[in-house]
Amino acid sequence: VEIFNPVHRYINRLYFNYRDHRKITVIDGYVAYAGGINIGDEYANRIERFGYWKDSTVRLTGDGAWGFAVQFMQMWKMLGRHFPNEDDYYRSRREGPAVEGFCQPFEDGPLNNPDNPVEAVYLQLIASAKRMLYITTPYYAVEESIQEALCIAADAGVDVRLMIPAIPDKKLVYLVAETYWGELLRHGVKIYKYTPGFVHAKSVMADREAALIGSTNMDYRSFQLHYEDAVMLYHMPVIEELLEDMDRIVEDSQLYTLEDWENRPWLRRMTASILKLGAIWL
């Protein structure tokens, strides 16, 4: 066990904002789990804090798991720890299962700035969608490039669906997210509020061909200040399982309309606009 970025060490520096937001479990270098689920009772719905907690995680078996093992080992060494053996010692020698398509685990973090691989993949998936684009995210405070890409996709006839919580865990952050929704709705993006509770899943699915599952929220902090991880899936059968899961979210959600957005109380509108000025710190 090791503490990442202790507060007392970097209290006067920008490092104070850095956070290891990844969720990685690797077993014997052969099986890996990654996605949005943290270790906590609410994530398993053993206790209820914000209604039903909806999350997503992907399980990789074989060579794909090694990518997440490497990510963990790199961070462990950055924290000043070490392993008793060379890295390759922990690689599984077992033959992985034969599957269709391919997957690519990758990471992102402040060390990559100004390049942001996860944000670039989001943009690529949005731009490549021709028929359908489904996105789940608990938070939404993006740069203009992603906002514009979603609007362009919807204008081009792509079925763009954004699935968000109906019960927020951070109310101020939720108010900031609302300021972005009006433009999306005017361009034909469909927004679904998950009425049973809180959507914590971070996933994108484009045209039933490509998908992304990881730890990255659609906000400035995740794209710029957090260490994040994700796995890109292409032409793999698990994409259909992700689509089925997203369809169930839509079934359990209420469609949020432009009329709903325009009828927000004036105090809510004003508060949200003020908070948006400091959105990168929320």
C-alpha atoms as a PDB file:
ATOM      1  CA  VAL A   1       0.000   0.000   0.000  1.00  0.00           C
ATOM      2  CA  GLU A   2       1.348   3.437  -0.935  1.00  0.00           C
ATOM      3  CA  ILE A   3      -0.115   6.946  -0.704  1.00  0.00           C
ATOM      4  CA  PHE A   4      -0.207   8.829  -3.987  1.00  0.00           C
ATOM      5  CA  ASN A   5       0.836  12.494  -3.909  1.00  0.00           C
ATOM      6  CA  PRO A   6       0.696  13.142  -0.124  1.00  0.00           C
ATOM      7  CA  VAL A   7      -0.945  16.480   0.648  1.00  0.00           C
ATOM      8  CA  HIS A   8       1.767  17.631   3.078  1.00  0.00           C
ATOM      9  CA  ARG A   9       4.469  17.243   0.424  1.00  0.00           C
ATOM     10  CA  TYR A  10       2.967  19.304  -2.382  1.00  0.00           C
ATOM     11  CA  ILE A  11       0.569  21.688  -0.654  1.00  0.00           C
ATOM     12  CA  ASN A  12       2.144  24.776  -2.290  1.00  0.00           C
ATOM     13  CA  ARG A  13       2.544  23.378  -5.780  1.00  0.00           C
ATOM     14  CA  LEU A  14       0.386  22.524  -8.771  1.00  0.00           C
ATOM     15  CA  TYR A  15       1.060  18.856  -7.963  1.00  0.00           C
ATOM     16  CA  PHE A  16      -1.557  19.241  -5.261  1.00  0.00           C
ATOM     17  CA  ASN A  17      -4.186  18.941  -8.022  1.00  0.00           C
ATOM     18  CA  TYR A  18      -2.781  15.712  -9.425  1.00  0.00           C
ATOM     19  CA  ARG A  19      -4.709  12.568  -8.624  1.00  0.00           C
ATOM     20  CA  ASP A  20      -4.349   8.901  -9.440  1.00  0.00           C
ATOM     21  CA  HIS A  21      -7.903   8.268 -10.612  1.00  0.00           C
ATOM     22  CA  ARG A  22      -7.229   4.884 -12.207  1.00  0.00           C
ATOM     23  CA  LYS A  23      -8.915   1.693 -11.039  1.00  0.00           C
ATOM     24  CA  ILE A  24      -6.767  -1.309 -11.953  1.00  0.00           C
ATOM     25  CA  THR A  25      -6.667  -4.881 -10.700  1.00  0.00           C
ATOM     26  CA  VAL A  26      -4.249  -7.380 -12.246  1.00  0.00           C
ATOM     27  CA  ILE A  27      -4.047 -11.056 -11.265  1.00  0.00           C
ATOM     28  CA  ASP A  28      -0.936 -13.066 -12.193  1.00  0.00           C
ATOM     29  CA  GLY A  29      -0.345 -10.813 -15.209  1.00  0.00           C
ATOM     30  CA  TYR A  30      -3.085 -12.778 -16.998  1.00  0.00           C
ATOM     31  CA  VAL A  31      -6.406 -11.265 -15.861  1.00  0.00           C
ATOM     32  CA  ALA A  32      -7.076  -7.541 -15.474  1.00  0.00           C
ATOM     33  CA  TYR A  33     -10.075  -5.468 -14.459  1.00  0.00           C
ATOM     34  CA  ALA A  34     -10.357  -1.763 -15.275  1.00  0.00           C
ATOM     35  CA  GLY A  35     -13.157   0.780 -15.473  1.00  0.00           C
ATOM     36  CA  GLY A  36     -15.009   3.046 -13.100  1.00  0.00           C
ATOM     37  CA  ILE A  37     -15.468   0.959  -9.960  1.00  0.00           C
ATOM     38  CA  ASN A  38     -13.636   2.011  -6.800  1.00  0.00           C
ATOM     39  CA  ILE A  39     -13.365   0.004  -3.579  1.00  0.00           C
ATOM     40  CA  GLY A  40     -16.330   1.111  -1.492  1.00  0.00           C
ATOM     41  CA  ASP A  41     -19.692  -0.186  -0.334  1.00  0.00           C
ATOM     42  CA  GLU A  42     -21.667   2.265  -2.492  1.00  0.00           C
ATOM     43  CA  TYR A  43     -20.033   0.914  -5.647  1.00  0.00           C
ATOM     44  CA  ALA A  44     -21.406  -2.545  -4.887  1.00  0.00           C
ATOM     45  CA  ASN A  45     -24.746  -1.057  -3.782  1.00  0.00           C
ATOM     46  CA  ARG A  46     -24.266  -2.453  -0.293  1.00  0.00           C
ATOM     47  CA  ILE A  47     -25.200   0.997   0.973  1.00  0.00           C
ATOM     48  CA  GLU A  48     -27.245   3.659  -0.815  1.00  0.00           C
ATOM     49  CA  ARG A  49     -25.944   7.225  -1.064  1.00  0.00           C
ATOM     50  CA  PHE A  50     -27.247   8.531  -4.404  1.00  0.00           C
ATOM     51  CA  GLY A  51     -29.816   5.956  -5.375  1.00  0.00           C
ATOM     52  CA  TYR A  52     -28.667   2.937  -7.354  1.00  0.00           C
ATOM     53  CA  TRP A  53     -24.986   3.193  -8.329  1.00  0.00           C
ATOM     54  CA  LYS A  54     -24.511   2.254 -12.009  1.00  0.00           C
ATOM     55  CA  ASP A  55     -20.963   1.528 -13.099  1.00  0.00           C
ATOM     56  CA  SER A  56     -18.993  -0.414 -15.690  1.00  0.00           C
ATOM     57  CA  THR A  57     -15.786  -2.431 -15.753  1.00  0.00           C
ATOM     58  CA  VAL A  58     -14.113  -4.558 -18.384  1.00  0.00           C
ATOM     59  CA  ARG A  59     -12.297  -7.859 -17.757  1.00  0.00           C
ATOM     60  CA  LEU A  60      -9.315  -8.657 -19.980  1.00  0.00           C
ATOM     61  CA  THR A  61      -7.742 -12.102 -20.192  1.00  0.00           C
ATOM     62  CA  GLY A  62      -4.410 -12.830 -21.857  1.00  0.00           C
ATOM     63  CA  ASP A  63      -2.064 -10.348 -23.496  1.00  0.00           C
ATOM     64  CA  GLY A  64      -4.419  -7.397 -22.979  1.00  0.00           C
ATOM     65  CA  ALA A  65      -4.033  -7.692 -19.209  1.00  0.00           C
ATOM     66  CA  TRP A  66      -0.300  -7.053 -19.432  1.00  0.00           C
ATOM     67  CA  GLY A  67      -0.886  -3.460 -20.549  1.00  0.00           C
ATOM     68  CA  PHE A  68      -2.585  -2.682 -17.243  1.00  0.00           C
ATOM     69  CA  ALA A  69       0.107  -4.529 -15.290  1.00  0.00           C
ATOM     70  CA  VAL A  70       2.731  -2.270 -16.875  1.00  0.00           C
ATOM     71  CA  GLN A  71       0.710   0.833 -15.950  1.00  0.00           C
ATOM     72  CA  PHE A  72       0.593  -0.266 -12.328  1.00  0.00           C
ATOM     73  CA  MET A  73       4.304  -1.053 -12.191  1.00  0.00           C
ATOM     74  CA  GLN A  74       5.237   2.311 -13.677  1.00  0.00           C
ATOM     75  CA  MET A  75       3.238   4.180 -11.042  1.00  0.00           C
ATOM     76  CA  TRP A  76       4.587   1.974  -8.228  1.00  0.00           C
ATOM     77  CA  LYS A  77       8.123   2.949  -9.241  1.00  0.00           C
ATOM     78  CA  MET A  78       7.192   6.643  -9.539  1.00  0.00           C
ATOM     79  CA  LEU A  79       6.131   6.463  -5.897  1.00  0.00           C
ATOM     80  CA  GLY A  80       9.622   5.276  -4.964  1.00  0.00           C
ATOM     81  CA  ARG A  81       8.813   1.599  -4.504  1.00  0.00           C
ATOM     82  CA  HIS A  82      10.370  -1.374  -6.296  1.00  0.00           C
ATOM     83  CA  PHE A  83       9.771  -5.008  -7.240  1.00  0.00           C
ATOM     84  CA  PRO A  84      12.055  -7.886  -6.253  1.00  0.00           C
ATOM     85  CA  ASN A  85      12.281  -9.045  -9.875  1.00  0.00           C
ATOM     86  CA  GLU A  86      12.502  -7.557 -13.365  1.00  0.00           C
ATOM     87  CA  ASP A  87       9.166  -6.445 -14.854  1.00  0.00           C
ATOM     88  CA  ASP A  88       9.016  -9.264 -17.382  1.00  0.00           C
ATOM     89  CA  TYR A  89       9.106 -11.796 -14.544  1.00  0.00           C
ATOM     90  CA  TYR A  90       5.475 -10.887 -13.780  1.00  0.00           C
ATOM     91  CA  ARG A  91       4.259 -11.398 -17.342  1.00  0.00           C
ATOM     92  CA  SER A  92       2.017 -14.441 -17.690  1.00  0.00           C
ATOM     93  CA  ARG A  93       3.387 -17.313 -19.755  1.00  0.00           C
ATOM     94  CA  ARG A  94      -0.102 -18.714 -20.349  1.00  0.00           C
ATOM     95  CA  GLU A  95      -1.579 -18.587 -23.828  1.00  0.00           C
ATOM     96  CA  GLY A  96      -4.485 -16.169 -23.990  1.00  0.00           C
ATOM     97  CA  PRO A  97      -7.890 -17.104 -25.451  1.00  0.00           C
ATOM     98  CA  ALA A  98      -8.478 -16.648 -29.178  1.00  0.00           C
ATOM     99  CA  VAL A  99     -10.858 -13.733 -29.779  1.00  0.00           C
ATOM    100  CA  GLU A 100     -12.136 -11.546 -32.591  1.00  0.00           C
ATOM    101  CA  GLY A 101     -10.934  -7.974 -32.963  1.00  0.00           C
ATOM    102  CA  PHE A 102      -8.384  -6.342 -30.702  1.00  0.00           C
ATOM    103  CA  CYS A 103      -8.051  -4.259 -27.568  1.00  0.00           C
ATOM    104  CA  GLN A 104      -5.501  -1.652 -26.526  1.00  0.00           C
ATOM    105  CA  PRO A 105      -5.065  -0.608 -22.894  1.00  0.00           C
ATOM    106  CA  PHE A 106      -3.497   2.825 -22.475  1.00  0.00           C
ATOM    107  CA  GLU A 107      -3.012   5.523 -19.872  1.00  0.00           C
ATOM    108  CA  ASP A 108      -3.022   9.284 -19.597  1.00  0.00           C
ATOM    109  CA  GLY A 109      -1.841  11.826 -17.072  1.00  0.00           C
ATOM    110  CA  PRO A 110      -0.100  15.145 -16.393  1.00  0.00           C
ATOM    111  CA  LEU A 111       3.212  13.760 -17.653  1.00  0.00           C
ATOM    112  CA  ASN A 112       1.702  13.645 -21.164  1.00  0.00           C
ATOM    113  CA  ASN A 113       0.594  17.295 -21.200  1.00  0.00           C
ATOM    114  CA  PRO A 114      -0.008  19.081 -23.503  1.00  0.00           C
ATOM    115  CA  ASP A 115      -0.892  15.807 -25.274  1.00  0.00           C
ATOM    116  CA  ASN A 116      -3.976  14.062 -23.880  1.00  0.00           C
ATOM    117  CA  PRO A 117      -4.425  10.564 -25.344  1.00  0.00           C
ATOM    118  CA  VAL A 118      -7.792   9.858 -23.689  1.00  0.00           C
ATOM    119  CA  GLU A 119      -9.311  13.149 -24.839  1.00  0.00           C
ATOM    120  CA  ALA A 120      -7.930  12.491 -28.336  1.00  0.00           C
ATOM    121  CA  VAL A 121      -9.593   9.062 -28.405  1.00  0.00           C
ATOM    122  CA  TYR A 122     -12.901  10.608 -27.303  1.00  0.00           C
ATOM    123  CA  LEU A 123     -12.651  13.071 -30.182  1.00  0.00           C
ATOM    124  CA  GLN A 124     -11.705  10.336 -32.636  1.00  0.00           C
ATOM    125  CA  LEU A 125     -14.647   8.134 -31.643  1.00  0.00           C
ATOM    126  CA  ILE A 126     -17.080  11.068 -31.858  1.00  0.00           C
ATOM    127  CA  ALA A 127     -15.767  12.119 -35.273  1.00  0.00           C
ATOM    128  CA  SER A 128     -15.747   8.569 -36.660  1.00  0.00           C
ATOM    129  CA  ALA A 129     -19.361   7.731 -35.728  1.00  0.00           C
ATOM    130  CA  LYS A 130     -21.638   7.490 -38.758  1.00  0.00           C
ATOM    131  CA  ARG A 131     -24.826   5.995 -37.294  1.00  0.00           C
ATOM    132  CA  MET A 132     -24.809   5.908 -33.503  1.00  0.00           C
ATOM    133  CA  LEU A 133     -22.763   7.278 -30.626  1.00  0.00           C
ATOM    134  CA  TYR A 134     -23.604   6.366 -27.025  1.00  0.00           C
ATOM    135  CA  ILE A 135     -21.781   7.939 -24.068  1.00  0.00           C
ATOM    136  CA  THR A 136     -22.099   7.430 -20.312  1.00  0.00           C
ATOM    137  CA  THR A 137     -20.475   9.908 -17.945  1.00  0.00           C
ATOM    138  CA  PRO A 138     -21.147  11.104 -14.388  1.00  0.00           C
ATOM    139  CA  TYR A 139     -19.770  14.608 -15.060  1.00  0.00           C
ATOM    140  CA  TYR A 140     -19.679  16.864 -18.091  1.00  0.00           C
ATOM    141  CA  ALA A 141     -17.475  19.967 -18.354  1.00  0.00           C
ATOM    142  CA  VAL A 142     -15.565  19.691 -21.616  1.00  0.00           C
ATOM    143  CA  GLU A 143     -13.448  21.902 -23.811  1.00  0.00           C
ATOM    144  CA  GLU A 144     -15.005  23.475 -26.898  1.00  0.00           C
ATOM    145  CA  SER A 145     -13.505  20.835 -29.212  1.00  0.00           C
ATOM    146  CA  ILE A 146     -15.548  17.979 -27.724  1.00  0.00           C
ATOM    147  CA  GLN A 147     -18.703  20.079 -27.359  1.00  0.00           C
ATOM    148  CA  GLU A 148     -18.464  21.099 -31.022  1.00  0.00           C
ATOM    149  CA  ALA A 149     -17.683  17.551 -32.185  1.00  0.00           C
ATOM    150  CA  LEU A 150     -20.835  16.211 -30.500  1.00  0.00           C
ATOM    151  CA  CYS A 151     -22.951  18.956 -32.070  1.00  0.00           C
ATOM    152  CA  ILE A 152     -21.478  18.274 -35.521  1.00  0.00           C
ATOM    153  CA  ALA A 153     -22.128  14.541 -35.172  1.00  0.00           C
ATOM    154  CA  ALA A 154     -25.771  15.128 -34.227  1.00  0.00           C
ATOM    155  CA  ASP A 155     -26.203  17.648 -37.068  1.00  0.00           C
ATOM    156  CA  ALA A 156     -24.878  14.992 -39.465  1.00  0.00           C
ATOM    157  CA  GLY A 157     -27.654  12.584 -38.437  1.00  0.00           C
ATOM    158  CA  VAL A 158     -25.740  10.448 -35.947  1.00  0.00           C
ATOM    159  CA  ASP A 159     -27.901   9.128 -33.093  1.00  0.00           C
ATOM    160  CA  VAL A 160     -25.956  10.781 -30.260  1.00  0.00           C
ATOM    161  CA  ARG A 161     -27.052   9.768 -26.765  1.00  0.00           C
ATOM    162  CA  LEU A 162     -25.535  11.145 -23.567  1.00  0.00           C
ATOM    163  CA  MET A 163     -26.431   9.190 -20.405  1.00  0.00           C
ATOM    164  CA  ILE A 164     -26.005  11.057 -17.120  1.00  0.00           C
ATOM    165  CA  PRO A 165     -27.137  10.713 -13.490  1.00  0.00           C
ATOM    166  CA  ALA A 166     -30.525  11.898 -12.311  1.00  0.00           C
ATOM    167  CA  ILE A 167     -29.217  12.002  -8.724  1.00  0.00           C
ATOM    168  CA  PRO A 168     -25.853  13.823  -8.610  1.00  0.00           C
ATOM    169  CA  ASP A 169     -23.168  13.172  -6.026  1.00  0.00           C
ATOM    170  CA  LYS A 170     -21.699  16.669  -6.431  1.00  0.00           C
ATOM    171  CA  LYS A 171     -24.497  19.198  -6.874  1.00  0.00           C
ATOM    172  CA  LEU A 172     -22.292  22.159  -7.795  1.00  0.00           C
ATOM    173  CA  VAL A 173     -20.531  20.149 -10.510  1.00  0.00           C
ATOM    174  CA  TYR A 174     -23.942  19.043 -11.794  1.00  0.00           C
ATOM    175  CA  LEU A 175     -25.035  22.680 -12.109  1.00  0.00           C
ATOM    176  CA  VAL A 176     -21.955  23.411 -14.215  1.00  0.00           C
ATOM    177  CA  ALA A 177     -22.742  20.442 -16.474  1.00  0.00           C
ATOM    178  CA  GLU A 178     -26.222  21.866 -17.108  1.00  0.00           C
ATOM    179  CA  THR A 179     -24.726  24.956 -18.759  1.00  0.00           C
ATOM    180  CA  TYR A 180     -23.438  22.770 -21.605  1.00  0.00           C
ATOM    181  CA  TRP A 181     -26.621  20.822 -22.256  1.00  0.00           C
ATOM    182  CA  GLY A 182     -28.670  23.533 -23.945  1.00  0.00           C
ATOM    183  CA  GLU A 183     -26.351  23.725 -26.959  1.00  0.00           C
ATOM    184  CA  LEU A 184     -26.242  19.927 -27.238  1.00  0.00           C
ATOM    185  CA  LEU A 185     -30.037  19.688 -27.151  1.00  0.00           C
ATOM    186  CA  ARG A 186     -30.470  22.388 -29.794  1.00  0.00           C
ATOM    187  CA  HIS A 187     -28.286  20.338 -32.148  1.00  0.00           C
ATOM    188  CA  GLY A 188     -30.247  17.142 -31.585  1.00  0.00           C
ATOM    189  CA  VAL A 189     -28.162  15.338 -28.973  1.00  0.00           C
ATOM    190  CA  LYS A 190     -30.426  13.164 -26.793  1.00  0.00           C
ATOM    191  CA  ILE A 191     -29.747  13.412 -23.059  1.00  0.00           C
ATOM    192  CA  TYR A 192     -30.994  10.680 -20.732  1.00  0.00           C
ATOM    193  CA  LYS A 193     -31.125  11.071 -16.954  1.00  0.00           C
ATOM    194  CA  TYR A 194     -30.739   7.745 -15.168  1.00  0.00           C
ATOM    195  CA  THR A 195     -33.700   7.926 -12.787  1.00  0.00           C
ATOM    196  CA  PRO A 196     -32.731   5.044 -10.414  1.00  0.00           C
ATOM    197  CA  GLY A 197     -29.684   6.995  -9.260  1.00  0.00           C
ATOM    198  CA  PHE A 198     -26.113   7.766 -10.180  1.00  0.00           C
ATOM    199  CA  VAL A 199     -24.302   6.815 -13.403  1.00  0.00           C
ATOM    200  CA  HIS A 200     -20.595   6.520 -12.613  1.00  0.00           C
ATOM    201  CA  ALA A 201     -19.713   4.546 -15.765  1.00  0.00           C
ATOM    202  CA  LYS A 202     -17.289   6.147 -18.215  1.00  0.00           C
ATOM    203  CA  SER A 203     -17.785   4.578 -21.635  1.00  0.00           C
ATOM    204  CA  VAL A 204     -18.209   5.415 -25.322  1.00  0.00           C
ATOM    205  CA  MET A 205     -19.605   3.210 -28.087  1.00  0.00           C
ATOM    206  CA  ALA A 206     -19.494   4.149 -31.779  1.00  0.00           C
ATOM    207  CA  ASP A 207     -21.421   2.302 -34.509  1.00  0.00           C
ATOM    208  CA  ARG A 208     -21.251  -1.044 -32.647  1.00  0.00           C
ATOM    209  CA  GLU A 209     -17.676  -1.316 -33.924  1.00  0.00           C
ATOM    210  CA  ALA A 210     -15.462   0.581 -31.487  1.00  0.00           C
ATOM    211  CA  ALA A 211     -15.750   1.324 -27.790  1.00  0.00           C
ATOM    212  CA  LEU A 212     -13.864   2.856 -24.902  1.00  0.00           C
ATOM    213  CA  ILE A 213     -14.171   1.852 -21.242  1.00  0.00           C
ATOM    214  CA  GLY A 214     -12.070   3.433 -18.538  1.00  0.00           C
ATOM    215  CA  SER A 215     -11.770   5.724 -15.551  1.00  0.00           C
ATOM    216  CA  THR A 216     -11.903   9.070 -17.371  1.00  0.00           C
ATOM    217  CA  ASN A 217     -14.744  11.508 -16.779  1.00  0.00           C
ATOM    218  CA  MET A 218     -15.656  14.050 -19.436  1.00  0.00           C
ATOM    219  CA  ASP A 219     -14.216  17.055 -17.643  1.00  0.00           C
ATOM    220  CA  TYR A 220     -11.109  19.200 -17.491  1.00  0.00           C
ATOM    221  CA  ARG A 221      -9.641  17.586 -14.391  1.00  0.00           C
ATOM    222  CA  SER A 222      -9.756  14.078 -15.863  1.00  0.00           C
ATOM    223  CA  PHE A 223      -8.328  15.160 -19.211  1.00  0.00           C
ATOM    224  CA  GLN A 224      -5.598  17.421 -17.801  1.00  0.00           C
ATOM    225  CA  LEU A 225      -4.813  16.776 -14.134  1.00  0.00           C
ATOM    226  CA  HIS A 226      -5.593  13.133 -13.313  1.00  0.00           C
ATOM    227  CA  TYR A 227      -3.745   9.918 -14.033  1.00  0.00           C
ATOM    228  CA  GLU A 228      -6.343   7.883 -15.917  1.00  0.00           C
ATOM    229  CA  ASP A 229      -6.584   4.588 -17.758  1.00  0.00           C
ATOM    230  CA  ALA A 230      -8.784   3.155 -20.485  1.00  0.00           C
ATOM    231  CA  VAL A 231      -9.017   0.313 -22.943  1.00  0.00           C
ATOM    232  CA  MET A 232      -9.930   0.762 -26.592  1.00  0.00           C
ATOM    233  CA  LEU A 233     -11.987  -2.099 -28.054  1.00  0.00           C
ATOM    234  CA  TYR A 234     -12.422  -2.669 -31.771  1.00  0.00           C
ATOM    235  CA  HIS A 235     -14.630  -5.296 -33.449  1.00  0.00           C
ATOM    236  CA  MET A 236     -14.810  -7.357 -30.260  1.00  0.00           C
ATOM    237  CA  PRO A 237     -17.962  -9.270 -29.187  1.00  0.00           C
ATOM    238  CA  VAL A 238     -17.948  -7.485 -25.810  1.00  0.00           C
ATOM    239  CA  ILE A 239     -19.026  -4.299 -27.600  1.00  0.00           C
ATOM    240  CA  GLU A 240     -22.473  -5.858 -28.072  1.00  0.00           C
ATOM    241  CA  GLU A 241     -22.633  -6.506 -24.324  1.00  0.00           C
ATOM    242  CA  LEU A 242     -21.776  -2.861 -23.704  1.00  0.00           C
ATOM    243  CA  LEU A 243     -24.532  -1.798 -26.116  1.00  0.00           C
ATOM    244  CA  GLU A 244     -27.067  -3.988 -24.282  1.00  0.00           C
ATOM    245  CA  ASP A 245     -26.012  -2.417 -20.990  1.00  0.00           C
ATOM    246  CA  MET A 246     -26.399   1.072 -22.438  1.00  0.00           C
ATOM    247  CA  ASP A 247     -29.824   0.189 -23.831  1.00  0.00           C
ATOM    248  CA  ARG A 248     -30.905  -0.840 -20.324  1.00  0.00           C
ATOM    249  CA  ILE A 249     -29.687   2.511 -18.996  1.00  0.00           C
ATOM    250  CA  VAL A 250     -31.824   4.310 -21.601  1.00  0.00           C
ATOM    251  CA  GLU A 251     -34.850   2.188 -20.666  1.00  0.00           C
ATOM    252  CA  ASP A 252     -34.437   3.195 -17.022  1.00  0.00           C
ATOM    253  CA  SER A 253     -33.875   6.862 -17.832  1.00  0.00           C
ATOM    254  CA  GLN A 254     -35.985   9.944 -18.480  1.00  0.00           C
ATOM    255  CA  LEU A 255     -35.371  11.923 -21.645  1.00  0.00           C
ATOM    256  CA  TYR A 256     -34.225  15.452 -20.795  1.00  0.00           C
ATOM    257  CA  THR A 257     -35.590  17.979 -23.275  1.00  0.00           C
ATOM    258  CA  LEU A 258     -34.702  21.481 -24.412  1.00  0.00           C
ATOM    259  CA  GLU A 259     -37.923  22.664 -22.787  1.00  0.00           C
ATOM    260  CA  ASP A 260     -36.760  21.208 -19.465  1.00  0.00           C
ATOM    261  CA  TRP A 261     -33.463  23.037 -19.830  1.00  0.00           C
ATOM    262  CA  GLU A 262     -35.062  26.367 -20.742  1.00  0.00           C
ATOM    263  CA  ASN A 263     -37.514  26.158 -17.840  1.00  0.00           C
ATOM    264  CA  ARG A 264     -34.818  25.983 -15.158  1.00  0.00           C
ATOM    265  CA  PRO A 265     -35.414  28.479 -12.305  1.00  0.00           C
ATOM    266  CA  TRP A 266     -33.549  31.777 -12.808  1.00  0.00           C
ATOM    267  CA  LEU A 267     -31.580  31.316  -9.578  1.00  0.00           C
ATOM    268  CA  ARG A 268     -30.351  27.929 -10.770  1.00  0.00           C
ATOM    269  CA  ARG A 269     -29.312  29.442 -14.111  1.00  0.00           C
ATOM    270  CA  MET A 270     -27.434  32.298 -12.487  1.00  0.00           C
ATOM    271  CA  THR A 271     -25.659  30.050  -9.978  1.00  0.00           C
ATOM    272  CA  ALA A 272     -24.614  27.637 -12.701  1.00  0.00           C
ATOM    273  CA  SER A 273     -23.216  30.432 -14.879  1.00  0.00           C
ATOM    274  CA  ILE A 274     -21.131  31.787 -12.005  1.00  0.00           C
ATOM    275  CA  LEU A 275     -19.822  28.340 -11.096  1.00  0.00           C
ATOM    276  CA  LYS A 276     -18.830  27.677 -14.703  1.00  0.00           C
ATOM    277  CA  LEU A 277     -16.166  30.377 -14.413  1.00  0.00           C
ATOM    278  CA  GLY A 278     -14.280  28.097 -12.041  1.00  0.00           C
ATOM    279  CA  ALA A 279     -15.265  24.815 -13.676  1.00  0.00           C
ATOM    280  CA  ILE A 280     -11.677  23.553 -14.037  1.00  0.00           C
ATOM    281  CA  TRP A 281     -11.302  23.421 -10.250  1.00  0.00           C
ATOM    282  CA  LEU A 282     -14.574  21.601  -9.457  1.00  0.00           C
END
